[in-house]
C-alpha atoms as a PDB file:
ATOM      1  CA  MET A   1      96.243 -44.751  41.379  1.00  0.00           C
ATOM      2  CA  LYS A   2      96.407 -47.543  38.843  1.00  0.00           C
ATOM      3  CA  PHE A   3      97.307 -50.058  41.422  1.00  0.00           C
ATOM      4  CA  PHE A   4      94.022 -48.915  43.481  1.00  0.00           C
ATOM      5  CA  ALA A   5      91.969 -48.905  40.506  1.00  0.00           C
ATOM      6  CA  SER A   6      93.177 -52.430  39.616  1.00  0.00           C
ATOM      7  CA  ILE A   7      92.233 -53.491  43.305  1.00  0.00           C
ATOM      8  CA  ALA A   8      88.837 -51.720  43.045  1.00  0.00           C
ATOM      9  CA  ALA A   9      88.008 -53.711  39.748  1.00  0.00           C
ATOM     10  CA  ILE A  10      88.855 -57.082  41.332  1.00  0.00           C
ATOM     11  CA  SER A  11      86.857 -56.146  44.413  1.00  0.00           C
ATOM     12  CA  THR A  12      83.784 -55.136  42.278  1.00  0.00           C
ATOM     13  CA  LYS A  13      84.207 -58.533  40.205  1.00  0.00           C
ATOM     14  CA  ILE A  14      84.309 -60.624  43.453  1.00  0.00           C
ATOM     15  CA  LYS A  15      81.292 -59.251  44.745  1.00  0.00           C
ATOM     16  CA  HIS A  16      79.393 -59.612  41.526  1.00  0.00           C
ATOM     17  CA  ASP A  17      80.444 -63.303  41.290  1.00  0.00           C
ATOM     18  CA  LYS A  18      79.451 -64.026  44.971  1.00  0.00           C
ATOM     19  CA  ILE A  19      82.512 -66.341  45.453  1.00  0.00           C
ATOM     20  CA  ASN A  20      81.836 -66.263  49.165  1.00  0.00           C
ATOM     21  CA  ALA A  21      78.878 -68.673  48.629  1.00  0.00           C
ATOM     22  CA  PHE A  22      80.892 -70.915  46.375  1.00  0.00           C
ATOM     23  CA  ALA A  23      83.649 -71.099  48.952  1.00  0.00           C
ATOM     24  CA  ALA A  24      81.323 -71.922  51.817  1.00  0.00           C
ATOM     25  CA  GLU A  25      79.607 -74.747  49.945  1.00  0.00           C
ATOM     26  CA  SER A  26      82.891 -76.285  48.895  1.00  0.00           C
ATOM     27  CA  ALA A  27      84.557 -76.000  52.170  1.00  0.00           C
ATOM     28  CA  LEU A  28      81.470 -77.807  53.944  1.00  0.00           C
ATOM     29  CA  PHE A  29      81.434 -80.845  51.468  1.00  0.00           C
ATOM     30  CA  ILE A  30      85.193 -81.132  51.321  1.00  0.00           C
ATOM     31  CA  ILE A  31      85.194 -81.504  55.055  1.00  0.00           C
ATOM     32  CA  MET A  32      82.484 -84.144  54.930  1.00  0.00           C
ATOM     33  CA  SER A  33      84.603 -85.972  52.189  1.00  0.00           C
ATOM     34  CA  PHE A  34      87.466 -86.391  54.891  1.00  0.00           C
ATOM     35  CA  ILE A  35      86.262 -89.458  56.908  1.00  0.00           C
ATOM     36  CA  PRO A  36      85.241 -91.701  53.828  1.00  0.00           C
ATOM     37  CA  CYS A  37      88.761 -90.687  52.153  1.00  0.00           C
ATOM     38  CA  LEU A  38      90.391 -91.572  55.274  1.00  0.00           C
ATOM     39  CA  ILE A  39      88.694 -95.061  55.424  1.00  0.00           C
ATOM     40  CA  LEU A  40      89.372 -95.859  51.859  1.00  0.00           C
ATOM     41  CA  LEU A  41      93.098 -94.756  52.494  1.00  0.00           C
ATOM     42  CA  MET A  42      93.358 -96.916  55.638  1.00  0.00           C
ATOM     43  CA  LEU A  43      92.058 -99.838  53.465  1.00  0.00           C
ATOM     44  CA  ILE A  44      94.826 -99.396  51.149  1.00  0.00           C
ATOM     45  CA  VAL A  45      97.358 -98.492  53.663  1.00  0.00           C
ATOM     46  CA  LYS A  46      96.663-101.817  55.659  1.00  0.00           C
ATOM     47  CA  TYR A  47      98.222-103.707  53.013  1.00  0.00           C
ATOM     48  CA  THR A  48     101.492-101.875  53.335  1.00  0.00           C
ATOM     49  CA  PRO A  49     104.116-102.297  56.189  1.00  0.00           C
ATOM     50  CA  LEU A  50     102.772 -99.305  57.867  1.00  0.00           C
ATOM     51  CA  THR A  51     101.159-100.569  61.337  1.00  0.00           C
ATOM     52  CA  GLU A  52      98.004 -99.226  62.971  1.00  0.00           C
ATOM     53  CA  GLU A  53     100.047 -98.096  65.782  1.00  0.00           C
ATOM     54  CA  LEU A  54     102.037 -95.998  63.542  1.00  0.00           C
ATOM     55  CA  ILE A  55      99.217 -94.500  61.642  1.00  0.00           C
ATOM     56  CA  LEU A  56      97.532 -93.688  65.057  1.00  0.00           C
ATOM     57  CA  ASN A  57     100.641 -91.751  66.294  1.00  0.00           C
ATOM     58  CA  PHE A  58     100.527 -89.806  63.097  1.00  0.00           C
ATOM     59  CA  VAL A  59      96.877 -88.855  63.436  1.00  0.00           C
ATOM     60  CA  ASN A  60      97.209 -87.789  66.907  1.00  0.00           C
ATOM     61  CA  ASP A  61     100.066 -85.433  65.688  1.00  0.00           C
ATOM     62  CA  VAL A  62      98.409 -83.790  62.865  1.00  0.00           C
ATOM     63  CA  VAL A  63      94.671 -84.122  62.945  1.00  0.00           C
ATOM     64  CA  PRO A  64      92.615 -81.503  65.173  1.00  0.00           C
ATOM     65  CA  SER A  65      91.843 -83.103  68.590  1.00  0.00           C
ATOM     66  CA  ALA A  66      87.977 -82.936  68.031  1.00  0.00           C
ATOM     67  CA  PHE A  67      88.407 -85.265  65.066  1.00  0.00           C
ATOM     68  CA  VAL A  68      90.988 -87.806  66.862  1.00  0.00           C
ATOM     69  CA  PRO A  69      88.421 -90.054  68.425  1.00  0.00           C
ATOM     70  CA  THR A  70      86.297 -90.561  65.134  1.00  0.00           C
ATOM     71  CA  ALA A  71      89.453 -90.861  63.076  1.00  0.00           C
ATOM     72  CA  THR A  72      90.907 -93.405  65.680  1.00  0.00           C
ATOM     73  CA  LYS A  73      87.554 -95.532  65.473  1.00  0.00           C
ATOM     74  CA  HIS A  74      87.629 -95.743  61.471  1.00  0.00           C
ATOM     75  CA  ILE A  75      91.384 -96.582  61.321  1.00  0.00           C
ATOM     76  CA  HIS A  76      90.902 -99.351  63.866  1.00  0.00           C
ATOM     77  CA  ASP A  77      87.836-100.685  62.086  1.00  0.00           C
ATOM     78  CA  ALA A  78      89.818-100.397  58.591  1.00  0.00           C
ATOM     79  CA  TYR A  79      92.599-102.645  60.109  1.00  0.00           C
ATOM     80  CA  THR A  80      90.418-105.191  62.040  1.00  0.00           C
ATOM     81  CA  ASP A  81      86.778-105.194  60.270  1.00  0.00           C
ATOM     82  CA  ALA A  82      87.512-104.161  56.889  1.00  0.00           C
ATOM     83  CA  ASN A  83      84.931-105.882  54.206  1.00  0.00           C
ATOM     84  CA  PHE A  84      83.410-104.892  51.135  1.00  0.00           C
ATOM     85  CA  THR A  85      80.205-103.244  52.554  1.00  0.00           C
ATOM     86  CA  MET A  86      82.923-100.612  54.269  1.00  0.00           C
ATOM     87  CA  ILE A  87      84.381-100.183  51.047  1.00  0.00           C
ATOM     88  CA  LEU A  88      81.128 -99.619  49.132  1.00  0.00           C
ATOM     89  CA  ILE A  89      79.658 -97.223  51.652  1.00  0.00           C
ATOM     90  CA  SER A  90      83.168 -95.340  52.068  1.00  0.00           C
ATOM     91  CA  GLY A  91      83.234 -95.097  48.217  1.00  0.00           C
ATOM     92  CA  ILE A  92      79.630 -93.940  47.745  1.00  0.00           C
ATOM     93  CA  SER A  93      80.078 -91.227  50.468  1.00  0.00           C
ATOM     94  CA  LEU A  94      83.269 -90.091  48.842  1.00  0.00           C
ATOM     95  CA  ILE A  95      81.869 -89.906  45.702  1.00  0.00           C
ATOM     96  CA  TRP A  96      78.936 -87.836  46.997  1.00  0.00           C
ATOM     97  CA  ALA A  97      80.904 -85.504  49.193  1.00  0.00           C
ATOM     98  CA  ALA A  98      83.693 -84.994  46.942  1.00  0.00           C
ATOM     99  CA  GLY A  99      81.492 -84.341  44.111  1.00  0.00           C
ATOM    100  CA  LYS A 100      79.460 -81.696  46.003  1.00  0.00           C
ATOM    101  CA  GLY A 101      82.532 -80.144  47.159  1.00  0.00           C
ATOM    102  CA  PHE A 102      84.524 -79.747  44.010  1.00  0.00           C
ATOM    103  CA  VAL A 103      81.379 -79.224  41.714  1.00  0.00           C
ATOM    104  CA  SER A 104      81.019 -75.968  43.981  1.00  0.00           C
ATOM    105  CA  LEU A 105      84.560 -75.238  43.125  1.00  0.00           C
ATOM    106  CA  ILE A 106      84.044 -75.802  39.428  1.00  0.00           C
ATOM    107  CA  ASP A 107      80.782 -73.739  39.534  1.00  0.00           C
ATOM    108  CA  GLY A 108      82.800 -70.975  41.137  1.00  0.00           C
ATOM    109  CA  LEU A 109      85.342 -70.778  38.764  1.00  0.00           C
ATOM    110  CA  ASN A 110      83.286 -71.083  35.859  1.00  0.00           C
ATOM    111  CA  ALA A 111      81.329 -68.047  37.326  1.00  0.00           C
ATOM    112  CA  VAL A 112      84.716 -66.193  37.846  1.00  0.00           C
ATOM    113  CA  PHE A 113      85.511 -66.791  33.896  1.00  0.00           C
ATOM    114  CA  ASN A 114      81.854 -66.402  32.664  1.00  0.00           C
ATOM    115  CA  ILE A 115      81.900 -69.903  31.391  1.00  0.00           C
ATOM    116  CA  LYS A 116      78.799 -72.168  31.223  1.00  0.00           C
ATOM    117  CA  GLU A 117      79.187 -75.942  31.873  1.00  0.00           C
ATOM    118  CA  HIS A 118      78.475 -78.492  29.439  1.00  0.00           C
ATOM    119  CA  ARG A 119      80.699 -81.405  30.380  1.00  0.00           C
ATOM    120  CA  ASN A 120      78.822 -84.587  31.055  1.00  0.00           C
ATOM    121  CA  TRP A 121      77.682 -85.090  34.803  1.00  0.00           C
ATOM    122  CA  PHE A 122      79.321 -88.452  35.438  1.00  0.00           C
ATOM    123  CA  VAL A 123      82.707 -87.048  33.962  1.00  0.00           C
ATOM    124  CA  ILE A 124      82.495 -84.008  36.323  1.00  0.00           C
ATOM    125  CA  ARG A 125      82.161 -86.109  39.316  1.00  0.00           C
ATOM    126  CA  LEU A 126      84.990 -88.487  38.444  1.00  0.00           C
ATOM    127  CA  TYR A 127      87.186 -85.337  38.049  1.00  0.00           C
ATOM    128  CA  ALA A 128      85.738 -84.153  41.388  1.00  0.00           C
ATOM    129  CA  ILE A 129      86.679 -87.449  43.335  1.00  0.00           C
ATOM    130  CA  LEU A 130      90.181 -87.243  41.593  1.00  0.00           C
ATOM    131  CA  TYR A 131      90.714 -83.620  42.390  1.00  0.00           C
ATOM    132  CA  THR A 132      89.654 -84.214  46.024  1.00  0.00           C
ATOM    133  CA  ILE A 133      92.150 -87.103  46.596  1.00  0.00           C
ATOM    134  CA  ILE A 134      94.857 -84.984  44.971  1.00  0.00           C
ATOM    135  CA  PHE A 135      94.012 -81.908  47.001  1.00  0.00           C
ATOM    136  CA  LEU A 136      93.896 -83.953  50.228  1.00  0.00           C
ATOM    137  CA  VAL A 137      97.039 -85.608  49.678  1.00  0.00           C
ATOM    138  CA  ILE A 138      98.950 -82.452  48.877  1.00  0.00           C
ATOM    139  CA  ILE A 139      97.420 -80.485  52.012  1.00  0.00           C
ATOM    140  CA  LEU A 140      98.426 -83.635  54.191  1.00  0.00           C
ATOM    141  CA  LEU A 141     101.901 -83.441  52.805  1.00  0.00           C
ATOM    142  CA  CYS A 142     102.225 -79.942  53.685  1.00  0.00           C
ATOM    143  CA  VAL A 143     101.151 -80.587  57.156  1.00  0.00           C
ATOM    144  CA  VAL A 144     103.663 -83.544  57.350  1.00  0.00           C
ATOM    145  CA  ILE A 145     106.322 -81.123  56.203  1.00  0.00           C
ATOM    146  CA  TYR A 146     105.623 -78.366  58.999  1.00  0.00           C
ATOM    147  CA  VAL A 147     104.485 -80.836  61.912  1.00  0.00           C
ATOM    148  CA  LEU A 148     106.335 -83.761  61.407  1.00  0.00           C
ATOM    149  CA  GLY A 149     109.504 -82.578  59.584  1.00  0.00           C
ATOM    150  CA  TYR A 150     111.888 -82.377  62.504  1.00  0.00           C
ATOM    151  CA  ARG A 151     110.637 -85.786  64.142  1.00  0.00           C
ATOM    152  CA  ILE A 152     111.383 -87.443  60.784  1.00  0.00           C
ATOM    153  CA  ASN A 153     114.807 -85.795  60.769  1.00  0.00           C
ATOM    154  CA  ASP A 154     115.436 -86.936  64.476  1.00  0.00           C
ATOM    155  CA  PHE A 155     114.778 -90.392  63.339  1.00  0.00           C
ATOM    156  CA  PHE A 156     117.200 -90.064  60.539  1.00  0.00           C
ATOM    157  CA  LYS A 157     119.863 -88.317  62.868  1.00  0.00           C
ATOM    158  CA  VAL A 158     120.352 -92.021  64.377  1.00  0.00           C
ATOM    159  CA  LYS A 159     119.739 -94.133  61.139  1.00  0.00           C
ATOM    160  CA  ALA A 160     121.300 -92.160  58.407  1.00  0.00           C
ATOM    161  CA  PRO A 161     122.958 -89.049  59.577  1.00  0.00           C
ATOM    162  CA  VAL A 162     123.772 -87.854  55.899  1.00  0.00           C
ATOM    163  CA  ILE A 163     120.081 -87.878  55.099  1.00  0.00           C
ATOM    164  CA  SER A 164     119.549 -85.819  58.226  1.00  0.00           C
ATOM    165  CA  ASP A 165     121.977 -83.162  57.239  1.00  0.00           C
ATOM    166  CA  ILE A 166     120.143 -82.895  54.097  1.00  0.00           C
ATOM    167  CA  LEU A 167     116.763 -82.723  55.689  1.00  0.00           C
ATOM    168  CA  ASP A 168     118.156 -79.876  57.926  1.00  0.00           C
ATOM    169  CA  LYS A 169     118.804 -77.757  55.026  1.00  0.00           C
ATOM    170  CA  ILE A 170     115.501 -78.671  53.368  1.00  0.00           C
ATOM    171  CA  LEU A 171     113.441 -77.885  56.662  1.00  0.00           C
ATOM    172  CA  ALA A 172     115.093 -74.598  56.878  1.00  0.00           C
ATOM    173  CA  PHE A 173     113.126 -73.571  53.833  1.00  0.00           C
ATOM    174  CA  ARG A 174     110.062 -75.203  54.741  1.00  0.00           C
ATOM    175  CA  ALA A 175     107.840 -72.185  54.356  1.00  0.00           C
ATOM    176  CA  LEU A 176     108.987 -71.684  50.772  1.00  0.00           C
ATOM    177  CA  ILE A 177     108.718 -75.431  49.984  1.00  0.00           C
ATOM    178  CA  VAL A 178     105.096 -75.300  51.266  1.00  0.00           C
ATOM    179  CA  ILE A 179     104.332 -72.397  49.081  1.00  0.00           C
ATOM    180  CA  PHE A 180     106.226 -73.852  45.982  1.00  0.00           C
ATOM    181  CA  VAL A 181     103.830 -77.035  46.452  1.00  0.00           C
ATOM    182  CA  LEU A 182     100.638 -75.105  46.901  1.00  0.00           C
ATOM    183  CA  THR A 183     101.513 -72.987  43.868  1.00  0.00           C
ATOM    184  CA  VAL A 184     101.943 -76.000  41.566  1.00  0.00           C
ATOM    185  CA  LEU A 185      98.680 -77.466  43.015  1.00  0.00           C
ATOM    186  CA  PHE A 186      96.747 -74.447  42.425  1.00  0.00           C
ATOM    187  CA  THR A 187      98.252 -73.846  38.948  1.00  0.00           C
ATOM    188  CA  PHE A 188      97.054 -77.330  37.991  1.00  0.00           C
ATOM    189  CA  LEU A 189      93.686 -76.756  39.585  1.00  0.00           C
ATOM    190  CA  TYR A 190      93.086 -73.360  37.850  1.00  0.00           C
ATOM    191  CA  VAL A 191      93.875 -74.905  34.601  1.00  0.00           C
ATOM    192  CA  ALA A 192      92.159 -78.297  35.118  1.00  0.00           C
ATOM    193  CA  ILE A 193      88.803 -77.395  36.901  1.00  0.00           C
ATOM    194  CA  PRO A 194      87.165 -74.836  34.766  1.00  0.00           C
ATOM    195  CA  ASN A 195      85.370 -75.658  31.449  1.00  0.00           C
ATOM    196  CA  ARG A 196      87.841 -73.815  29.255  1.00  0.00           C
ATOM    197  CA  HIS A 197      91.337 -74.247  27.789  1.00  0.00           C
ATOM    198  CA  THR A 198      94.014 -72.058  28.996  1.00  0.00           C
ATOM    199  CA  LYS A 199      98.001 -71.986  29.103  1.00  0.00           C
ATOM    200  CA  ILE A 200      99.688 -72.974  32.207  1.00  0.00           C
ATOM    201  CA  LYS A 201     101.607 -69.741  32.660  1.00  0.00           C
ATOM    202  CA  ARG A 202      98.478 -67.599  32.579  1.00  0.00           C
ATOM    203  CA  GLN A 203      97.603 -69.229  35.874  1.00  0.00           C
ATOM    204  CA  PHE A 204     100.641 -68.582  37.836  1.00  0.00           C
ATOM    205  CA  PRO A 205      99.934 -65.116  39.254  1.00  0.00           C
ATOM    206  CA  GLY A 206      96.834 -66.291  40.944  1.00  0.00           C
ATOM    207  CA  ALA A 207      98.124 -69.632  42.072  1.00  0.00           C
ATOM    208  CA  LEU A 208     101.221 -67.804  43.689  1.00  0.00           C
ATOM    209  CA  PHE A 209      98.775 -65.233  45.212  1.00  0.00           C
ATOM    210  CA  SER A 210      96.711 -68.116  46.832  1.00  0.00           C
ATOM    211  CA  ALA A 211      99.724 -70.232  47.904  1.00  0.00           C
ATOM    212  CA  VAL A 212     100.931 -67.240  49.841  1.00  0.00           C
ATOM    213  CA  GLY A 213      97.609 -66.260  51.078  1.00  0.00           C
ATOM    214  CA  TRP A 214      96.991 -69.768  52.350  1.00  0.00           C
ATOM    215  CA  THR A 215     100.278 -70.015  54.085  1.00  0.00           C
ATOM    216  CA  GLY A 216     100.242 -66.922  55.710  1.00  0.00           C
ATOM    217  CA  PHE A 217      96.560 -66.909  56.870  1.00  0.00           C
ATOM    218  CA  SER A 218      97.282 -70.445  58.206  1.00  0.00           C
ATOM    219  CA  PHE A 219     100.054 -69.315  60.185  1.00  0.00           C
ATOM    220  CA  PHE A 220      98.239 -66.416  61.763  1.00  0.00           C
ATOM    221  CA  PHE A 221      95.119 -68.205  62.160  1.00  0.00           C
ATOM    222  CA  SER A 222      96.983 -70.931  64.071  1.00  0.00           C
ATOM    223  CA  LEU A 223      98.396 -68.477  66.313  1.00  0.00           C
ATOM    224  CA  TYR A 224      95.069 -66.800  67.068  1.00  0.00           C
ATOM    225  CA  PHE A 225      93.460 -70.251  67.795  1.00  0.00           C
ATOM    226  CA  LYS A 226      96.422 -71.046  69.937  1.00  0.00           C
ATOM    227  CA  TYR A 227      96.423 -68.027  72.246  1.00  0.00           C
ATOM    228  CA  SER A 228      92.913 -66.880  72.064  1.00  0.00           C
ATOM    229  CA  SER A 229      90.254 -68.220  74.351  1.00  0.00           C
ATOM    230  CA  ARG A 230      87.248 -66.221  73.052  1.00  0.00           C
ATOM    231  CA  LEU A 231      86.531 -69.027  70.324  1.00  0.00           C
ATOM    232  CA  SER A 232      86.265 -71.914  73.082  1.00  0.00           C
ATOM    233  CA  GLU A 233      84.203 -69.580  75.236  1.00  0.00           C
ATOM    234  CA  ILE A 234      81.536 -69.201  72.614  1.00  0.00           C
ATOM    235  CA  TYR A 235      81.730 -72.721  70.933  1.00  0.00           C
ATOM    236  CA  GLY A 236      82.815 -75.084  73.644  1.00  0.00           C
ATOM    237  CA  SER A 237      83.441 -78.562  72.449  1.00  0.00           C
ATOM    238  CA  LEU A 238      82.687 -77.620  68.870  1.00  0.00           C
ATOM    239  CA  THR A 239      85.428 -75.078  68.835  1.00  0.00           C
ATOM    240  CA  THR A 240      88.022 -77.103  66.678  1.00  0.00           C
ATOM    241  CA  ILE A 241      85.317 -78.267  64.281  1.00  0.00           C
ATOM    242  CA  VAL A 242      84.385 -74.526  63.631  1.00  0.00           C
ATOM    243  CA  CYS A 243      87.810 -73.387  63.382  1.00  0.00           C
ATOM    244  CA  VAL A 244      88.464 -75.939  60.866  1.00  0.00           C
ATOM    245  CA  MET A 245      85.345 -74.888  58.828  1.00  0.00           C
ATOM    246  CA  LEU A 246      86.311 -71.411  59.017  1.00  0.00           C
ATOM    247  CA  TRP A 247      90.046 -72.061  58.132  1.00  0.00           C
ATOM    248  CA  LEU A 248      88.794 -74.093  54.946  1.00  0.00           C
ATOM    249  CA  TYR A 249      86.179 -71.297  53.929  1.00  0.00           C
ATOM    250  CA  VAL A 250      88.699 -68.520  53.917  1.00  0.00           C
ATOM    251  CA  CYS A 251      91.425 -70.618  52.234  1.00  0.00           C
ATOM    252  CA  MET A 252      88.581 -71.558  49.435  1.00  0.00           C
ATOM    253  CA  TYR A 253      87.773 -67.837  49.106  1.00  0.00           C
ATOM    254  CA  ILE A 254      91.481 -66.859  48.673  1.00  0.00           C
ATOM    255  CA  PHE A 255      91.712 -69.499  45.968  1.00  0.00           C
ATOM    256  CA  LEU A 256      88.797 -68.075  44.149  1.00  0.00           C
ATOM    257  CA  MET A 257      90.219 -64.734  44.534  1.00  0.00           C
ATOM    258  CA  GLY A 258      93.365 -66.051  42.710  1.00  0.00           C
ATOM    259  CA  ALA A 259      91.262 -67.048  39.805  1.00  0.00           C
ATOM    260  CA  GLU A 260      89.708 -63.282  39.703  1.00  0.00           C
ATOM    261  CA  ILE A 261      93.397 -62.069  39.738  1.00  0.00           C
ATOM    262  CA  ASN A 262      94.362 -64.415  36.892  1.00  0.00           C
ATOM    263  CA  LEU A 263      91.245 -63.210  34.890  1.00  0.00           C
ATOM    264  CA  TYR A 264      92.134 -59.687  35.461  1.00  0.00           C
ATOM    265  CA  VAL A 265      95.810 -60.380  34.537  1.00  0.00           C
ATOM    266  CA  GLU A 266      94.877 -61.927  31.386  1.00  0.00           C
ATOM    267  CA  GLN A 267      92.519 -58.846  30.475  1.00  0.00           C
ATOM    268  CA  TRP A 268      95.361 -56.766  31.279  1.00  0.00           C
ATOM    269  CA  ASN A 269      97.958 -58.660  29.024  1.00  0.00           C
ATOM    270  CA  ALA A 270      95.461 -58.598  26.353  1.00  0.00           C
ATOM    271  CA  GLY A 271      95.651 -54.859  26.004  1.00  0.00           C
ATOM    272  CA  SER A 272      92.845 -53.576  28.218  1.00  0.00           C
ATOM    273  CA  SER A 273      93.299 -50.359  30.182  1.00  0.00           C
ATOM    274  CA  ILE A 274      92.315 -50.313  33.646  1.00  0.00           C
ATOM    275  CA  LYS A 275      88.907 -48.478  32.701  1.00  0.00           C
ATOM    276  CA  GLU A 276      88.380 -51.192  29.921  1.00  0.00           C
ATOM    277  CA  ALA A 277      89.145 -54.092  32.351  1.00  0.00           C
ATOM    278  CA  THR A 278      86.933 -52.795  34.995  1.00  0.00           C
ATOM    279  CA  ASP A 279      84.056 -52.595  32.243  1.00  0.00           C
ATOM    280  CA  ILE A 280      84.678 -55.890  31.054  1.00  0.00           C
ATOM    281  CA  THR A 281      84.684 -57.543  34.697  1.00  0.00           C
ATOM    282  CA  HIS A 282      81.236 -55.651  35.225  1.00  0.00           C
ATOM    283  CA  LYS A 283      79.779 -57.308  32.150  1.00  0.00           C
ATOM    284  CA  HIS A 284      80.883 -60.716  33.176  1.00  0.00           C
END
């Protein structure tokens, strides 16, 4: 009974905070920040030993097919026609889109914890850009582990068998590795984003919930997307874009649910009974 009472209290708080609206807004603008972030990344990568062909092969492996032509064009432009104007436009676009996306998350987490925002607008935008870049890099890392892990391992089998043996053992636990990486990322975001001071260990329960939720939902959603034809019948050529939007929306919703769990656990550890904790969530 206590378990179900806890679930009911958290559900009531979730409805009250309207986290679905914050999740939708943040998902939209994070996706919009993808292209300018990609351009800026390519402008940096072009000065490394990585070739355009290698980058394009990677994009074809990990980017949804609907985004490949656009991504390919911007990568080619970054390698051949990069100039100050492109850097300026990409930077402004990234600042705007990233700012809107992560400000939505900031507002969502502040709503969860019933906090008023008083930080400087410019400072919030700088944080938003930093968090967006960290977020996209970590998500990209997780995708690389899942999608390209075995290809990288095949390369080392010929060049460095010892490294290949180590990678074999690591890739056997790739799901756990992704969950660990996401848990660390979410713990950091729960501590850094809201306008409050808190201890890292207090954010672990929600971070673990969100990491497991993201990994599990992504796995089952990918299976549904792969084997179901209903979405393509409804949305046609927009299917991939719609699926990415839906996937990120649910992931953002799970992330905000993790914050609700952290708040409830904090109240519970503070000595509130289930009834008292429920009353507190209502007041928030």
